[in-house]
N, C-alpha and C. Protein backbone atom coordinates (compact mmCIF):
# COMPACT_ATOMS: atom_id res chain seq x y z
N MET A 1 -34.50 69.39 -16.59
CA MET A 1 -33.20 68.63 -16.78
C MET A 1 -32.29 69.42 -17.65
N ALA A 2 -30.98 69.48 -17.27
CA ALA A 2 -30.16 70.43 -17.94
C ALA A 2 -29.70 69.83 -19.34
N LYS A 3 -29.55 70.85 -20.15
CA LYS A 3 -29.10 70.48 -21.67
C LYS A 3 -27.75 70.04 -21.69
N GLU A 4 -27.37 68.90 -22.16
CA GLU A 4 -26.00 68.42 -22.32
C GLU A 4 -25.47 69.10 -23.63
N THR A 5 -24.20 69.46 -23.46
CA THR A 5 -23.52 70.15 -24.60
C THR A 5 -22.50 69.37 -25.01
N ASN A 6 -22.20 69.39 -26.41
CA ASN A 6 -21.18 68.47 -26.86
C ASN A 6 -19.91 69.41 -27.01
N PRO A 7 -18.91 69.24 -26.20
CA PRO A 7 -17.69 70.11 -26.21
C PRO A 7 -16.92 70.06 -27.38
N PHE A 8 -16.88 68.91 -28.16
CA PHE A 8 -16.26 68.76 -29.38
C PHE A 8 -16.86 69.50 -30.62
N GLY A 9 -18.29 69.47 -30.46
CA GLY A 9 -19.14 70.22 -31.47
C GLY A 9 -18.66 71.67 -31.32
N ASP A 10 -18.76 72.25 -29.91
CA ASP A 10 -18.55 73.61 -29.74
C ASP A 10 -17.14 74.01 -30.13
N LEU A 11 -16.22 73.10 -29.86
CA LEU A 11 -14.74 73.30 -30.28
C LEU A 11 -14.62 73.35 -31.85
N GLN A 12 -15.38 72.46 -32.47
CA GLN A 12 -15.29 72.47 -33.91
C GLN A 12 -15.95 73.69 -34.54
N LYS A 13 -16.96 74.15 -33.92
CA LYS A 13 -17.44 75.41 -34.51
C LYS A 13 -16.49 76.67 -34.26
N MET A 14 -15.86 76.54 -33.09
CA MET A 14 -14.93 77.67 -32.82
C MET A 14 -13.81 77.71 -33.66
N LEU A 15 -13.17 76.49 -34.08
CA LEU A 15 -12.04 76.37 -34.89
C LEU A 15 -12.35 76.68 -36.31
N GLU A 16 -13.59 76.33 -36.63
CA GLU A 16 -13.94 76.61 -38.08
C GLU A 16 -13.81 78.09 -38.47
N GLN A 17 -14.16 78.86 -37.40
CA GLN A 17 -13.97 80.35 -37.50
C GLN A 17 -12.58 80.83 -38.14
N PHE A 18 -11.66 79.99 -37.69
CA PHE A 18 -10.24 80.36 -38.12
C PHE A 18 -9.81 79.36 -39.16
N LYS A 19 -10.34 79.58 -40.37
CA LYS A 19 -10.03 78.79 -41.45
C LYS A 19 -8.67 78.87 -41.87
N MET A 20 -8.01 77.73 -42.05
CA MET A 20 -6.55 77.78 -42.48
C MET A 20 -6.60 76.84 -43.69
N PRO A 21 -5.94 77.39 -44.81
CA PRO A 21 -5.86 76.44 -45.95
C PRO A 21 -5.08 75.16 -45.74
N GLY A 22 -5.77 74.17 -46.17
CA GLY A 22 -5.14 72.77 -46.21
C GLY A 22 -5.20 72.19 -44.97
N VAL A 23 -5.96 72.73 -43.91
CA VAL A 23 -6.10 72.04 -42.54
C VAL A 23 -7.48 71.70 -42.28
N ASP A 24 -7.81 70.41 -42.08
CA ASP A 24 -9.12 70.02 -41.95
C ASP A 24 -9.31 69.99 -40.37
N MET A 25 -9.99 71.03 -40.06
CA MET A 25 -10.25 71.17 -38.55
C MET A 25 -11.19 70.16 -37.97
N SER A 26 -12.15 69.66 -38.73
CA SER A 26 -13.08 68.64 -38.26
C SER A 26 -12.28 67.41 -38.01
N ALA A 27 -11.36 67.11 -38.76
CA ALA A 27 -10.49 65.81 -38.69
C ALA A 27 -9.54 66.01 -37.33
N ILE A 28 -9.11 67.23 -37.19
CA ILE A 28 -8.37 67.31 -35.87
C ILE A 28 -9.16 67.20 -34.69
N VAL A 29 -10.47 67.80 -34.63
CA VAL A 29 -11.32 67.71 -33.54
C VAL A 29 -11.86 66.17 -33.38
N GLU A 30 -12.10 65.53 -34.49
CA GLU A 30 -12.34 64.03 -34.45
C GLU A 30 -11.29 63.13 -33.62
N SER A 31 -10.02 63.64 -34.00
CA SER A 31 -8.91 62.85 -33.74
C SER A 31 -8.71 63.08 -32.05
N ARG A 32 -8.97 64.35 -31.69
CA ARG A 32 -8.88 64.55 -30.13
C ARG A 32 -9.96 63.84 -29.46
N ARG A 33 -11.17 63.81 -30.02
CA ARG A 33 -12.31 63.12 -29.47
C ARG A 33 -11.90 61.69 -29.25
N LYS A 34 -11.29 61.06 -30.25
CA LYS A 34 -10.91 59.69 -30.08
C LYS A 34 -9.80 59.54 -29.02
N ASP A 35 -8.91 60.44 -28.94
CA ASP A 35 -7.87 60.41 -27.87
C ASP A 35 -8.53 60.34 -26.48
N ILE A 36 -9.52 61.23 -26.24
CA ILE A 36 -10.15 61.25 -25.02
C ILE A 36 -10.88 60.06 -24.69
N GLU A 37 -11.57 59.41 -25.85
CA GLU A 37 -12.39 58.22 -25.64
C GLU A 37 -11.39 57.04 -25.24
N ALA A 38 -10.13 56.93 -25.79
CA ALA A 38 -9.14 56.13 -25.53
C ALA A 38 -8.71 56.22 -24.02
N LEU A 39 -8.51 57.42 -23.59
CA LEU A 39 -8.22 57.65 -22.16
C LEU A 39 -9.30 57.22 -21.26
N MET A 40 -10.53 57.41 -21.62
CA MET A 40 -11.59 57.04 -20.89
C MET A 40 -11.58 55.48 -20.66
N GLU A 41 -11.57 54.80 -21.93
CA GLU A 41 -11.51 53.34 -21.79
C GLU A 41 -10.36 52.80 -20.93
N ALA A 42 -9.15 53.41 -20.98
CA ALA A 42 -8.11 53.01 -20.24
C ALA A 42 -8.39 53.17 -18.66
N ASN A 43 -9.03 54.39 -18.42
CA ASN A 43 -9.38 54.57 -17.04
C ASN A 43 -10.48 53.59 -16.48
N LYS A 44 -11.49 53.41 -17.39
CA LYS A 44 -12.43 52.39 -16.99
C LYS A 44 -11.84 51.06 -16.81
N ALA A 45 -10.99 50.57 -17.60
CA ALA A 45 -10.25 49.22 -17.33
C ALA A 45 -9.52 49.25 -16.04
N THR A 46 -8.79 50.44 -15.84
CA THR A 46 -7.96 50.53 -14.62
C THR A 46 -8.94 50.46 -13.30
N TYR A 47 -10.02 51.19 -13.36
CA TYR A 47 -10.85 51.30 -12.25
C TYR A 47 -11.57 49.85 -12.01
N GLN A 48 -11.95 49.15 -13.05
CA GLN A 48 -12.56 47.81 -12.77
C GLN A 48 -11.53 46.86 -12.31
N SER A 49 -10.33 46.99 -12.74
CA SER A 49 -9.26 46.10 -12.25
C SER A 49 -8.90 46.45 -10.77
N MET A 50 -9.04 47.82 -10.45
CA MET A 50 -8.76 48.13 -9.06
C MET A 50 -9.69 47.63 -8.03
N GLN A 51 -11.12 47.57 -8.65
CA GLN A 51 -12.10 47.02 -7.76
C GLN A 51 -11.83 45.47 -7.62
N ALA A 52 -11.58 44.73 -8.70
CA ALA A 52 -11.34 43.39 -8.61
C ALA A 52 -10.22 43.20 -7.73
N LEU A 53 -9.13 43.88 -7.72
CA LEU A 53 -8.02 43.76 -6.73
C LEU A 53 -8.37 43.93 -5.24
N ALA A 54 -9.29 44.99 -5.05
CA ALA A 54 -9.68 45.20 -3.78
C ALA A 54 -10.52 44.03 -3.33
N ARG A 55 -11.35 43.44 -4.07
CA ARG A 55 -12.20 42.44 -3.72
C ARG A 55 -11.32 41.18 -3.35
N LYS A 56 -10.30 40.95 -4.12
CA LYS A 56 -9.29 39.82 -3.91
C LYS A 56 -8.68 39.98 -2.60
N GLN A 57 -8.25 41.17 -2.25
CA GLN A 57 -7.49 41.52 -1.17
C GLN A 57 -8.43 41.35 0.21
N ALA A 58 -9.57 41.57 -0.03
CA ALA A 58 -10.63 41.39 1.16
C ALA A 58 -10.85 39.91 1.39
N GLU A 59 -11.10 39.18 0.27
CA GLU A 59 -11.04 37.76 0.30
C GLU A 59 -9.80 37.09 0.97
N ILE A 60 -8.71 37.68 0.60
CA ILE A 60 -7.44 37.16 1.25
C ILE A 60 -7.36 37.44 2.69
N LEU A 61 -7.76 38.63 2.98
CA LEU A 61 -7.84 39.12 4.50
C LEU A 61 -8.69 38.09 5.23
N SER A 62 -9.96 37.81 4.64
CA SER A 62 -10.84 37.04 5.45
C SER A 62 -10.38 35.68 5.55
N GLN A 63 -9.60 35.09 4.50
CA GLN A 63 -9.12 33.82 4.64
C GLN A 63 -7.97 33.69 5.65
N THR A 64 -7.24 34.79 5.68
CA THR A 64 -5.99 34.84 6.75
C THR A 64 -6.62 34.90 8.04
N ILE A 65 -7.59 35.65 8.33
CA ILE A 65 -8.16 35.72 9.72
C ILE A 65 -8.53 34.23 10.18
N GLN A 66 -9.37 33.66 9.18
CA GLN A 66 -9.80 32.26 9.56
C GLN A 66 -8.60 31.31 9.75
N GLY A 67 -7.59 31.49 8.91
CA GLY A 67 -6.39 30.68 9.02
C GLY A 67 -5.70 30.85 10.52
N MET A 68 -5.71 32.13 10.93
CA MET A 68 -4.99 32.45 12.15
C MET A 68 -5.88 31.87 13.23
N GLN A 69 -7.10 31.91 13.19
CA GLN A 69 -8.01 31.25 14.04
C GLN A 69 -7.82 29.87 14.21
N GLU A 70 -7.68 29.18 12.98
CA GLU A 70 -7.42 27.73 13.05
C GLU A 70 -6.01 27.33 13.69
N ALA A 71 -5.06 28.35 13.30
CA ALA A 71 -3.74 28.07 13.80
C ALA A 71 -3.69 28.31 15.29
N ALA A 72 -4.51 29.08 15.76
CA ALA A 72 -4.44 29.35 17.27
C ALA A 72 -5.06 28.09 17.91
N LYS A 73 -6.09 27.64 17.35
CA LYS A 73 -6.76 26.31 17.89
C LYS A 73 -5.79 25.19 17.89
N ASN A 74 -5.13 25.10 16.67
CA ASN A 74 -4.16 23.94 16.52
C ASN A 74 -2.95 24.08 17.51
N ALA A 75 -2.64 25.31 17.65
CA ALA A 75 -1.40 25.47 18.63
C ALA A 75 -1.76 25.12 19.96
N VAL A 76 -3.02 25.35 20.47
CA VAL A 76 -3.29 24.96 21.94
C VAL A 76 -3.31 23.33 21.91
N GLY A 77 -3.79 22.71 20.82
CA GLY A 77 -3.89 21.37 20.84
C GLY A 77 -2.61 20.61 20.48
N SER A 78 -1.65 21.36 20.00
CA SER A 78 -0.46 20.68 19.66
C SER A 78 0.85 21.41 20.37
N ALA A 79 0.50 21.87 21.50
CA ALA A 79 1.51 22.70 22.12
C ALA A 79 2.92 21.94 22.29
N GLY A 80 2.92 20.62 22.34
CA GLY A 80 4.03 19.77 22.48
C GLY A 80 4.65 19.30 21.15
N ASN A 81 3.94 19.58 20.00
CA ASN A 81 4.37 19.08 18.79
C ASN A 81 4.91 20.07 17.79
N PRO A 82 6.29 20.22 17.81
CA PRO A 82 6.90 21.23 17.00
C PRO A 82 6.82 20.95 15.59
N ALA A 83 6.72 19.75 15.30
CA ALA A 83 6.48 19.39 13.81
C ALA A 83 5.23 19.86 13.20
N GLN A 84 4.05 19.79 13.93
CA GLN A 84 2.82 20.24 13.53
C GLN A 84 2.86 21.72 13.51
N GLN A 85 3.45 22.55 14.49
CA GLN A 85 3.50 23.90 14.42
C GLN A 85 4.35 24.32 13.13
N THR A 86 5.40 23.68 12.94
CA THR A 86 6.35 24.08 11.73
C THR A 86 5.50 23.89 10.45
N GLU A 87 4.85 22.85 10.38
CA GLU A 87 3.84 22.55 9.16
C GLU A 87 2.85 23.67 8.95
N THR A 88 2.21 24.10 10.19
CA THR A 88 1.30 25.20 10.05
C THR A 88 1.89 26.52 9.56
N VAL A 89 2.98 26.73 9.99
CA VAL A 89 3.88 27.99 9.63
C VAL A 89 4.14 27.79 8.11
N ARG A 90 4.62 26.67 7.65
CA ARG A 90 4.99 26.62 6.38
C ARG A 90 3.70 26.65 5.38
N LYS A 91 2.58 26.08 5.83
CA LYS A 91 1.35 26.29 5.06
C LYS A 91 1.04 27.77 4.94
N ALA A 92 0.99 28.32 5.93
CA ALA A 92 0.65 29.86 5.90
C ALA A 92 1.60 30.64 5.10
N PHE A 93 3.00 30.48 5.16
CA PHE A 93 3.93 31.05 4.29
C PHE A 93 3.64 30.86 2.80
N GLU A 94 3.29 29.60 2.41
CA GLU A 94 3.02 29.29 1.03
C GLU A 94 1.88 29.95 0.64
N LYS A 95 1.02 29.96 1.33
CA LYS A 95 -0.50 30.42 1.14
C LYS A 95 -0.20 32.06 0.75
N THR A 96 0.56 32.60 1.66
CA THR A 96 1.02 34.15 1.45
C THR A 96 1.58 34.32 0.14
N LEU A 97 2.49 33.54 -0.10
CA LEU A 97 3.31 33.68 -1.38
C LEU A 97 2.44 33.42 -2.65
N ALA A 98 1.52 32.50 -2.58
CA ALA A 98 0.61 32.28 -3.71
C ALA A 98 -0.45 33.45 -3.84
N ASP A 99 -0.87 34.09 -2.72
CA ASP A 99 -1.68 35.21 -2.69
C ASP A 99 -1.04 36.42 -3.34
N MET A 100 0.28 36.62 -2.94
CA MET A 100 0.96 37.67 -3.51
C MET A 100 1.26 37.70 -4.89
N ARG A 101 1.59 36.38 -5.49
CA ARG A 101 1.72 36.14 -6.71
C ARG A 101 0.32 36.42 -7.64
N GLU A 102 -0.76 36.14 -6.95
CA GLU A 102 -2.00 36.21 -7.72
C GLU A 102 -2.38 37.77 -7.80
N LEU A 103 -2.10 38.51 -6.74
CA LEU A 103 -2.27 39.90 -6.75
C LEU A 103 -1.44 40.59 -7.74
N ALA A 104 -0.16 40.19 -7.82
CA ALA A 104 0.81 40.77 -8.73
C ALA A 104 0.34 40.57 -10.15
N GLU A 105 -0.08 39.34 -10.47
CA GLU A 105 -0.52 39.02 -11.70
C GLU A 105 -1.80 39.83 -12.06
N MET A 106 -2.64 40.09 -11.18
CA MET A 106 -3.90 40.83 -11.38
C MET A 106 -3.51 42.30 -11.69
N ALA A 107 -2.59 42.66 -11.05
CA ALA A 107 -2.20 44.03 -11.30
C ALA A 107 -1.46 44.28 -12.62
N ARG A 108 -0.66 43.18 -13.05
CA ARG A 108 0.12 43.26 -14.37
C ARG A 108 -1.04 43.22 -15.48
N ARG A 109 -2.13 42.35 -15.23
CA ARG A 109 -3.04 42.25 -16.41
C ARG A 109 -3.78 43.68 -16.37
N SER A 110 -4.04 44.17 -15.43
CA SER A 110 -4.74 45.51 -15.42
C SER A 110 -3.81 46.48 -16.08
N GLN A 111 -2.66 46.53 -15.88
CA GLN A 111 -1.78 47.68 -16.52
C GLN A 111 -1.74 47.28 -17.98
N ALA A 112 -1.57 46.00 -18.33
CA ALA A 112 -1.52 45.63 -19.79
C ALA A 112 -2.73 46.02 -20.45
N GLU A 113 -3.98 45.76 -19.92
CA GLU A 113 -5.21 46.18 -20.54
C GLU A 113 -5.34 47.67 -20.66
N ALA A 114 -4.99 48.39 -19.66
CA ALA A 114 -5.07 49.81 -19.91
C ALA A 114 -4.12 50.37 -20.98
N MET A 115 -2.91 49.75 -20.93
CA MET A 115 -1.85 50.13 -21.98
C MET A 115 -2.34 49.72 -23.32
N ALA A 116 -3.02 48.71 -23.46
CA ALA A 116 -3.53 48.16 -24.77
C ALA A 116 -4.44 49.27 -25.29
N HIS A 117 -5.35 49.79 -24.58
CA HIS A 117 -6.19 50.93 -25.04
C HIS A 117 -5.46 52.01 -25.61
N LEU A 118 -4.45 52.47 -24.75
CA LEU A 118 -3.70 53.70 -25.07
C LEU A 118 -2.79 53.34 -26.41
N THR A 119 -2.26 52.26 -26.49
CA THR A 119 -1.34 51.91 -27.41
C THR A 119 -2.19 51.84 -28.83
N GLN A 120 -3.33 51.21 -28.73
CA GLN A 120 -4.12 51.24 -30.03
C GLN A 120 -4.52 52.57 -30.44
N ARG A 121 -4.82 53.42 -29.59
CA ARG A 121 -5.17 54.93 -30.05
C ARG A 121 -3.88 55.53 -30.48
N GLY A 122 -2.71 55.23 -29.85
CA GLY A 122 -1.49 55.80 -30.35
C GLY A 122 -1.18 55.46 -31.81
N ASN A 123 -1.48 54.13 -32.15
CA ASN A 123 -1.26 53.70 -33.41
C ASN A 123 -2.17 54.33 -34.42
N GLU A 124 -3.47 54.39 -33.91
CA GLU A 124 -4.55 55.12 -34.82
C GLU A 124 -4.04 56.54 -35.06
N HIS A 125 -3.62 57.17 -34.01
CA HIS A 125 -3.17 58.56 -34.19
C HIS A 125 -1.98 58.83 -35.16
N LEU A 126 -1.06 57.95 -35.17
CA LEU A 126 0.00 57.92 -35.98
C LEU A 126 -0.55 57.70 -37.37
N GLN A 127 -1.50 56.87 -37.81
CA GLN A 127 -2.15 56.70 -39.18
C GLN A 127 -2.77 57.93 -39.45
N GLU A 128 -3.48 58.63 -38.56
CA GLU A 128 -4.16 59.85 -38.81
C GLU A 128 -3.20 60.88 -39.43
N ILE A 129 -2.02 61.01 -38.60
CA ILE A 129 -0.99 61.95 -39.00
C ILE A 129 -0.40 61.70 -40.29
N ARG A 130 -0.17 60.57 -40.67
CA ARG A 130 0.46 60.05 -41.91
C ARG A 130 -0.52 60.37 -42.99
N LYS A 131 -1.93 60.22 -42.79
CA LYS A 131 -2.95 60.63 -43.77
C LYS A 131 -2.92 62.06 -43.97
N LEU A 132 -2.80 62.99 -42.80
CA LEU A 132 -2.82 64.27 -42.95
C LEU A 132 -1.65 64.88 -43.75
N MET A 133 -0.45 64.23 -43.69
CA MET A 133 0.70 64.57 -44.14
C MET A 133 0.76 64.35 -45.67
N GLN A 134 -0.18 63.47 -46.11
CA GLN A 134 -0.17 63.01 -47.66
C GLN A 134 -0.45 64.28 -48.48
N PRO A 135 0.19 64.52 -49.48
CA PRO A 135 -0.14 65.66 -50.42
C PRO A 135 -1.46 65.35 -50.96
N LYS A 136 -2.23 66.52 -51.20
CA LYS A 136 -3.54 66.34 -51.78
C LYS A 136 -3.56 66.66 -53.16
């Protein structure tokens, strides 16, 4: 089994060779590690949301096909009944709009969740910078 390396540990060792007065290299490396973790969390949330969106789209497609089959059966049975045909079309249109709203809401929640991870890390990053700028 291959030995896993810690890229941040290696980076920290490399940066420690270039000691600069008043600069805490380990704090800088730790900050970058947290940045990457925040990006990974945002990507994870986005991936999970995309999977949920794809499942919902597959469900909608299946329901649409079933609805089309029912509509075709009803059309044959109600060939002379325009009111029933109009009602079938109206229901299909309303269902399509409801599905579109649900998909849009799922996408909005997904984006909000991903942005929450990044915003939280951005706020933490600002606090870290403020702390580093404090005179010692």
